Protein backbone atom coordinates (compact mmCIF):
# COMPACT_ATOMS: atom_id res chain seq x y z
CA MET A 1 64.19 160.73 70.00
CA PRO A 2 63.41 164.49 70.12
CA SER A 3 66.38 166.78 69.50
CA ALA A 4 68.06 168.68 72.30
CA VAL A 5 68.79 171.52 69.85
CA GLU A 6 67.24 172.09 66.44
CA VAL A 7 68.56 174.90 64.24
CA THR A 8 66.72 175.54 60.98
CA SER A 9 67.74 177.92 58.17
CA LEU A 10 69.23 180.34 60.66
CA VAL A 11 70.24 183.75 59.31
CA ARG A 12 71.82 186.63 61.20
CA ARG A 13 72.55 189.91 59.46
CA TYR A 14 74.67 192.83 60.63
CA GLY A 15 73.73 195.47 58.10
CA SER A 16 74.72 194.08 54.72
CA LEU A 17 76.90 191.35 56.29
CA ARG A 18 75.44 187.87 56.72
CA ALA A 19 77.20 186.43 59.75
CA LEU A 20 74.99 183.34 59.40
CA ASP A 21 73.68 182.36 55.99
CA GLY A 22 70.92 179.80 56.50
CA ILE A 23 72.60 177.18 58.70
CA SER A 24 70.77 174.06 59.91
CA PHE A 25 71.82 171.30 62.31
CA SER A 26 70.41 169.23 65.17
CA ILE A 27 71.93 167.94 68.41
CA ARG A 28 70.84 164.79 70.19
CA PRO A 29 70.36 164.68 73.98
CA ALA A 30 73.60 163.98 75.90
CA GLU A 31 75.66 164.56 72.75
CA VAL A 32 78.77 166.71 72.51
CA PHE A 33 78.37 168.69 69.30
CA GLY A 34 81.23 170.81 68.07
CA LEU A 35 81.14 173.81 65.74
CA ILE A 36 84.54 174.31 64.21
CA GLY A 37 85.88 176.91 61.86
CA PRO A 38 88.18 179.92 61.64
CA ASN A 39 87.61 183.15 63.55
CA GLY A 40 84.73 185.13 62.06
CA SER A 41 83.00 182.09 60.60
CA GLY A 42 79.80 182.45 62.67
CA LYS A 43 80.48 180.11 65.58
CA THR A 44 79.96 182.60 68.41
CA THR A 45 76.92 184.15 66.70
CA THR A 46 75.32 180.70 66.56
CA LEU A 47 76.02 180.02 70.22
CA ARG A 48 74.62 183.38 71.29
CA ILE A 49 71.39 182.78 69.39
CA VAL A 50 70.93 179.33 70.94
CA ALA A 51 71.67 180.87 74.36
CA THR A 52 68.90 183.49 73.72
CA LEU A 53 71.37 186.38 73.89
CA LEU A 54 70.99 187.33 70.24
CA ALA A 55 67.91 187.27 68.02
CA PRO A 56 68.14 185.69 64.57
CA SER A 57 67.24 187.74 61.51
CA SER A 58 65.30 184.76 60.19
CA GLY A 59 65.06 181.03 60.68
CA ALA A 60 64.47 179.26 63.97
CA ALA A 61 66.22 177.51 66.84
CA THR A 62 64.73 175.39 69.61
CA VAL A 63 66.20 173.92 72.80
CA PHE A 64 64.36 170.82 74.00
CA GLY A 65 61.37 171.94 71.95
CA LEU A 66 61.35 175.52 73.27
CA ASP A 67 61.74 178.39 70.81
CA VAL A 68 64.74 180.55 71.69
CA VAL A 69 62.89 183.76 70.78
CA ARG A 70 59.27 183.18 71.84
CA GLN A 71 60.16 181.09 74.93
CA ALA A 72 63.51 182.63 75.84
CA ALA A 73 62.88 182.72 79.60
CA ALA A 74 62.08 179.00 79.68
CA VAL A 75 65.15 178.21 77.56
CA ARG A 76 67.41 180.13 79.96
CA ARG A 77 66.33 177.86 82.80
CA LEU A 78 67.74 174.89 80.88
CA VAL A 79 71.03 176.27 79.56
CA SER A 80 74.32 177.57 80.85
CA TYR A 81 76.54 179.66 78.60
CA LEU A 82 80.28 180.19 78.98
CA PRO A 83 81.55 182.89 76.59
CA GLU A 84 85.14 182.88 75.39
CA ASP A 85 85.77 186.26 77.01
CA ALA A 86 83.96 185.52 80.30
CA GLY A 87 85.56 186.84 83.46
CA ALA A 88 85.01 186.45 87.19
CA TYR A 89 84.97 189.33 89.66
CA ARG A 90 88.65 189.76 90.42
CA ASN A 91 88.19 191.20 93.92
CA LEU A 92 86.12 188.24 95.07
CA THR A 93 87.58 184.94 96.19
CA GLY A 94 86.74 181.94 94.06
CA LEU A 95 84.39 180.74 96.78
CA ASP A 96 82.67 184.13 97.04
CA TYR A 97 82.20 184.17 93.27
CA LEU A 98 80.55 180.73 93.26
CA GLN A 99 78.32 181.74 96.17
CA PHE A 100 77.31 184.95 94.40
CA MET A 101 76.48 183.16 91.14
CA ALA A 102 74.62 180.36 92.95
CA THR A 103 72.13 182.87 94.35
CA PHE A 104 70.75 183.35 90.82
CA TYR A 105 70.03 179.64 90.39
CA SER A 106 68.76 178.61 93.82
CA ARG A 107 65.46 178.98 95.65
CA ASP A 108 66.84 178.95 99.20
CA ALA A 109 70.06 178.83 101.21
CA LYS A 110 70.14 175.03 101.30
CA GLU A 111 69.97 174.75 97.51
CA ARG A 112 72.54 177.55 97.15
CA ASP A 113 74.98 175.80 99.48
CA ALA A 114 74.56 172.54 97.54
CA LEU A 115 75.34 174.33 94.28
CA VAL A 116 78.41 175.98 95.79
CA GLU A 117 79.69 172.66 97.14
CA ARG A 118 79.25 171.17 93.68
CA GLY A 119 81.02 174.14 92.10
CA VAL A 120 83.98 173.92 94.48
CA GLY A 121 84.39 170.26 93.57
CA LEU A 122 84.18 170.98 89.85
CA ALA A 123 86.70 173.82 90.02
CA GLY A 124 89.31 171.58 91.63
CA LEU A 125 91.23 174.53 93.05
CA GLY A 126 91.80 173.10 96.53
CA THR A 127 92.55 175.72 99.17
CA ARG A 128 93.13 178.33 96.44
CA VAL A 129 89.35 178.62 96.09
CA ARG A 130 89.54 180.95 99.12
CA ASP A 131 92.03 183.26 97.41
CA LYS A 132 91.08 186.26 95.31
CA VAL A 133 90.45 185.64 91.62
CA SER A 134 92.99 188.38 90.86
CA THR A 135 95.73 185.99 92.06
CA TYR A 136 94.65 183.13 89.75
CA SER A 137 96.44 181.99 86.64
CA LYS A 138 94.41 181.95 83.43
CA GLY A 139 93.96 178.18 83.79
CA MET A 140 92.64 178.49 87.34
CA ALA A 141 90.24 181.27 86.36
CA ARG A 142 88.94 179.27 83.40
CA LYS A 143 88.32 176.21 85.61
CA LEU A 144 86.41 178.42 88.05
CA LEU A 145 84.26 179.78 85.22
CA LEU A 146 83.60 176.28 83.87
CA ALA A 147 82.58 175.20 87.37
CA ARG A 148 80.14 178.12 87.47
CA ALA A 149 78.69 177.05 84.13
CA LEU A 150 78.25 173.41 85.12
CA MET A 151 77.42 173.53 88.83
CA MET A 152 73.70 174.05 88.23
CA ASP A 153 73.63 170.85 86.14
CA PRO A 154 72.22 172.42 82.96
CA LYS A 155 70.40 170.33 80.37
CA LEU A 156 72.45 172.16 77.73
CA ALA A 157 75.94 173.57 78.30
CA ILE A 158 77.03 176.09 75.64
CA LEU A 159 80.79 176.55 75.70
CA ASP A 160 82.61 179.03 73.48
CA GLU A 161 86.32 178.20 73.09
CA PRO A 162 86.37 176.43 76.49
CA THR A 163 90.16 175.95 76.58
CA SER A 164 91.21 179.17 74.86
CA GLY A 165 94.69 180.22 75.97
CA LEU A 166 95.21 177.33 78.38
CA ASP A 167 98.35 175.26 78.65
CA VAL A 168 98.26 171.55 77.82
CA GLU A 169 97.70 170.34 81.39
CA ASN A 170 94.82 172.73 82.14
CA ALA A 171 93.26 172.17 78.72
CA MET A 172 93.26 168.40 79.27
CA GLU A 173 91.62 168.85 82.67
CA VAL A 174 88.88 171.06 81.23
CA ARG A 175 88.22 168.59 78.40
CA GLN A 176 87.94 165.76 80.90
CA ARG A 177 85.32 167.65 82.90
CA ILE A 178 83.28 168.35 79.78
CA ARG A 179 83.31 164.68 78.75
CA GLN A 180 82.29 163.61 82.26
CA PHE A 181 79.26 165.87 82.18
CA ALA A 182 78.23 164.61 78.77
CA GLN A 183 78.54 161.02 79.97
CA ALA A 184 76.26 161.93 82.90
CA GLY A 185 73.58 163.22 80.50
CA THR A 186 74.35 166.90 79.84
CA THR A 187 74.10 167.99 76.21
CA VAL A 188 77.07 170.11 75.14
CA LEU A 189 77.32 172.59 72.27
CA LEU A 190 80.85 173.92 71.94
CA SER A 191 82.77 175.99 69.47
CA SER A 192 86.46 176.16 68.77
CA HIS A 193 88.95 177.01 66.08
CA ASN A 194 91.10 174.20 67.57
CA MET A 195 89.94 171.39 65.33
CA LEU A 196 92.04 168.68 66.96
CA GLU A 197 90.51 169.52 70.34
CA VAL A 198 86.99 169.33 68.96
CA GLU A 199 87.83 166.03 67.29
CA PHE A 200 88.84 164.65 70.69
CA LEU A 201 85.78 166.00 72.52
CA SER A 202 82.87 165.75 70.10
CA ASP A 203 80.48 162.98 69.13
CA ARG A 204 79.59 164.93 65.99
CA VAL A 205 80.86 168.13 64.44
CA ALA A 206 79.77 170.76 61.96
CA LEU A 207 82.35 172.63 59.90
CA ILE A 208 81.34 176.25 59.42
CA ARG A 209 82.84 178.71 56.98
CA GLN A 210 81.65 182.26 56.22
CA GLY A 211 78.32 181.66 57.92
CA ARG A 212 77.59 178.40 56.11
CA ILE A 213 77.92 174.81 57.29
CA ILE A 214 79.98 172.90 54.76
CA GLU A 215 80.09 169.44 56.41
CA THR A 216 78.45 167.60 59.32
CA GLY A 217 79.15 164.17 60.77
CA THR A 218 81.16 162.22 63.30
CA PRO A 219 84.91 162.84 63.23
CA ALA A 220 85.41 159.30 61.90
CA GLU A 221 82.83 159.79 59.13
CA LEU A 222 84.34 163.06 58.01
CA LYS A 223 87.88 161.71 58.00
CA ALA A 224 86.79 158.67 55.99
CA ARG A 225 84.76 160.82 53.55
CA HIS A 226 87.78 162.98 52.76
CA ALA A 227 90.52 160.37 53.24
CA ALA A 228 92.01 162.65 55.89
CA ALA A 229 94.12 161.98 58.97
CA ASN A 230 92.40 164.62 61.12
CA LEU A 231 89.72 167.32 61.05
CA GLU A 232 92.18 170.00 60.04
CA GLU A 233 92.76 168.11 56.81
CA VAL A 234 89.01 167.54 56.46
CA PHE A 235 88.35 171.28 56.71
CA VAL A 236 90.94 172.17 54.08
CA ARG A 237 89.63 169.53 51.66
CA ALA A 238 85.97 170.38 52.30
CA GLU A 239 86.70 174.02 51.50
CA GLY A 240 88.26 172.97 48.24
């Protein structure tokens, strides 16, 4: 089966700093693939390259066979990217925000309205969707942003720290939505420094440290390989 994402010997330099140092991995269609590691390890850089927002210094990445540099426009039609620091327009209502964003992904009013209806359902904000984003809690705003990312039914959803700063209840709700989309056929590439969360969400994971991938496998494989109780222990032992 062809890969949904194929990353090969990817390098990204910032001056003399190598943020990525030749990483390689592949993601299967409809798989949830997690990149885990500490802050500054190269997770966000990897996601931005796959999302066509950042060019690699060398190496290659493809999304469903399309090169992220040479065929960037075609890749963007297949992916949706949710950055960790994403924000919605605070003076718009949640509904207005979804309507505004839907105009970029729809060919006519009928398709736009269908996307908005889908987004409202995904956000799960009830009547609060008609309130201004400035009145939302962080959890409500994050659910709105996730709804924006998923409402166009992307082939690949790229999610950077999807539950960053959320309380337990909101984080669980966001994780549930991500799993539901994967079960319906969406491929998910996510990053997090929360290794227990990624263990819960991901079919396979890659552990990244200082721009290099040090382990790849299913959570069960990695825990068995290192005789560890969880991925946090795996990461510590793999580093050693």
